[in-house]
Amino acid sequence: MTAEIGEKVQIVGDDLLVTNPKVNQIESVTESIEAVKMSKRAGWGVMASQRSGETEDTFIADLSVGLSTGQIKTGAPCRSERLAKYNQLLRIEEELGAEAVYAGASFRVPVEPY
């Protein structure tokens, strides 16, 4: 499919391409981290995503930065639970300062932090 439509379009497979990569579908955060590593070894990009019925907990932002996913899918900044995640990303960037690495054009498959 990507050969047909080109690289300027991003295909987000979500549940279509995976069996159980979401933290709420896997037994532990450790297994989620292993799933991310396995996907990256296969050359796939990873997008951290919040679940419907989400709270203002910001762990997904920390996890996304820690795993260098390059992308987070949390929705439009129109509700407090979404804004909480974006605000956490800004706090992380501020805390890291000059050490923060912007994924730039490689956001789909950013450099490994580990």
Protein backbone atom coordinates (compact mmCIF):
# COMPACT_ATOMS: atom_id res chain seq x y z
CA MET A 1 0.00 0.00 0.00
CA THR A 2 2.81 2.45 0.80
CA ALA A 3 4.40 1.74 -2.58
CA GLU A 4 1.11 2.71 -4.17
CA ILE A 5 0.49 6.00 -2.33
CA GLY A 6 4.04 7.10 -1.56
CA GLU A 7 5.92 8.22 1.52
CA LYS A 8 4.19 11.58 1.97
CA VAL A 9 1.17 9.86 3.47
CA GLN A 10 1.38 8.21 6.85
CA ILE A 11 -0.66 5.08 7.42
CA VAL A 12 -1.63 4.62 11.05
CA GLY A 13 -2.67 1.03 11.47
CA ASP A 14 -3.63 1.13 15.15
CA ASP A 15 -5.59 -2.07 15.92
CA LEU A 16 -5.45 -3.15 12.27
CA LEU A 17 -1.73 -3.93 12.38
CA VAL A 18 -1.23 -5.21 15.90
CA THR A 19 -2.67 -7.65 18.34
CA ASN A 20 -2.08 -6.16 21.78
CA PRO A 21 0.42 -3.29 22.01
CA LYS A 22 -1.64 -0.95 24.21
CA VAL A 23 -0.74 -0.83 27.87
CA ASN A 24 -4.34 -1.64 28.75
CA GLN A 25 -4.20 -4.74 26.48
CA ILE A 26 -0.75 -6.00 27.51
CA GLU A 27 0.03 -7.36 30.95
CA SER A 28 2.59 -4.67 31.84
CA VAL A 29 4.39 -1.50 30.84
CA THR A 30 7.50 -3.68 30.41
CA GLU A 31 5.74 -5.70 27.71
CA SER A 32 4.65 -2.48 26.02
CA ILE A 33 8.26 -1.28 25.98
CA GLU A 34 9.35 -4.60 24.46
CA ALA A 35 6.64 -4.27 21.78
CA VAL A 36 7.95 -0.79 20.92
CA LYS A 37 11.53 -2.08 20.68
CA MET A 38 10.43 -4.99 18.49
CA SER A 39 8.50 -2.66 16.18
CA LYS A 40 11.46 -0.31 15.86
CA ARG A 41 13.86 -3.19 15.13
CA ALA A 42 11.53 -4.11 12.27
CA GLY A 43 11.83 -0.55 10.94
CA TRP A 44 8.34 0.51 11.95
CA GLY A 45 7.49 3.85 13.50
CA VAL A 46 5.58 3.89 16.77
CA MET A 47 2.89 6.34 17.79
CA ALA A 48 1.93 6.50 21.46
CA SER A 49 -1.83 6.88 21.81
CA GLN A 50 -4.22 7.65 24.62
CA ARG A 51 -7.36 5.61 25.09
CA SER A 52 -10.94 6.81 24.93
CA GLY A 53 -12.26 7.70 28.35
CA GLU A 54 -8.82 9.06 29.20
CA THR A 55 -7.97 10.97 32.39
CA GLU A 56 -5.57 13.86 33.00
CA ASP A 57 -2.77 11.42 33.85
CA THR A 58 0.30 12.38 31.79
CA PHE A 59 2.21 9.08 31.84
CA ILE A 60 1.68 8.54 28.10
CA ALA A 61 3.64 11.75 27.38
CA ASP A 62 6.53 10.57 29.56
CA LEU A 63 6.46 7.13 27.96
CA SER A 64 6.38 8.59 24.46
CA VAL A 65 9.44 10.75 25.13
CA GLY A 66 11.25 7.99 27.00
CA LEU A 67 10.75 5.55 24.13
CA SER A 68 11.49 8.19 21.50
CA THR A 69 8.32 7.42 19.59
CA GLY A 70 8.42 10.77 17.82
CA GLN A 71 4.63 10.96 17.80
CA ILE A 72 1.79 10.95 20.26
CA LYS A 73 -1.88 10.68 19.33
CA THR A 74 -3.93 12.40 21.98
CA GLY A 75 -6.40 14.47 19.99
CA ALA A 76 -7.12 18.14 19.49
CA PRO A 77 -6.16 20.37 22.43
CA CYS A 78 -9.78 21.05 23.33
CA ARG A 79 -10.30 19.10 26.57
CA SER A 80 -8.37 19.05 29.82
CA GLU A 81 -7.21 15.42 29.56
CA ARG A 82 -5.65 16.17 26.18
CA LEU A 83 -4.14 19.48 27.24
CA ALA A 84 -2.57 17.76 30.24
CA LYS A 85 -0.54 15.53 27.91
CA TYR A 86 0.56 18.42 25.66
CA ASN A 87 1.49 20.49 28.70
CA GLN A 88 3.57 17.59 30.02
CA LEU A 89 5.42 17.40 26.70
CA LEU A 90 6.20 21.11 27.04
CA ARG A 91 7.42 20.61 30.63
CA ILE A 92 9.66 17.74 29.50
CA GLU A 93 11.14 19.89 26.74
CA GLU A 94 11.72 22.72 29.20
CA GLU A 95 13.37 20.38 31.72
CA LEU A 96 15.64 18.81 29.12
CA GLY A 97 16.67 22.20 27.75
CA ALA A 98 19.51 21.91 25.24
CA GLU A 99 19.53 18.12 25.66
CA ALA A 100 16.05 17.84 24.14
CA VAL A 101 16.19 16.23 20.70
CA TYR A 102 13.59 17.28 18.17
CA ALA A 103 12.76 14.41 15.83
CA GLY A 104 12.22 16.76 12.88
CA ALA A 105 11.65 15.09 9.53
CA SER A 106 12.48 11.68 11.05
CA PHE A 107 9.49 11.85 13.43
CA ARG A 108 8.05 8.64 11.99
CA VAL A 109 11.11 6.60 12.91
CA PRO A 110 13.23 8.72 15.29
CA VAL A 111 16.68 7.89 16.64
CA GLU A 112 16.81 5.31 19.40
CA PRO A 113 17.43 6.58 22.94
CA TYR A 114 18.68 3.16 24.09
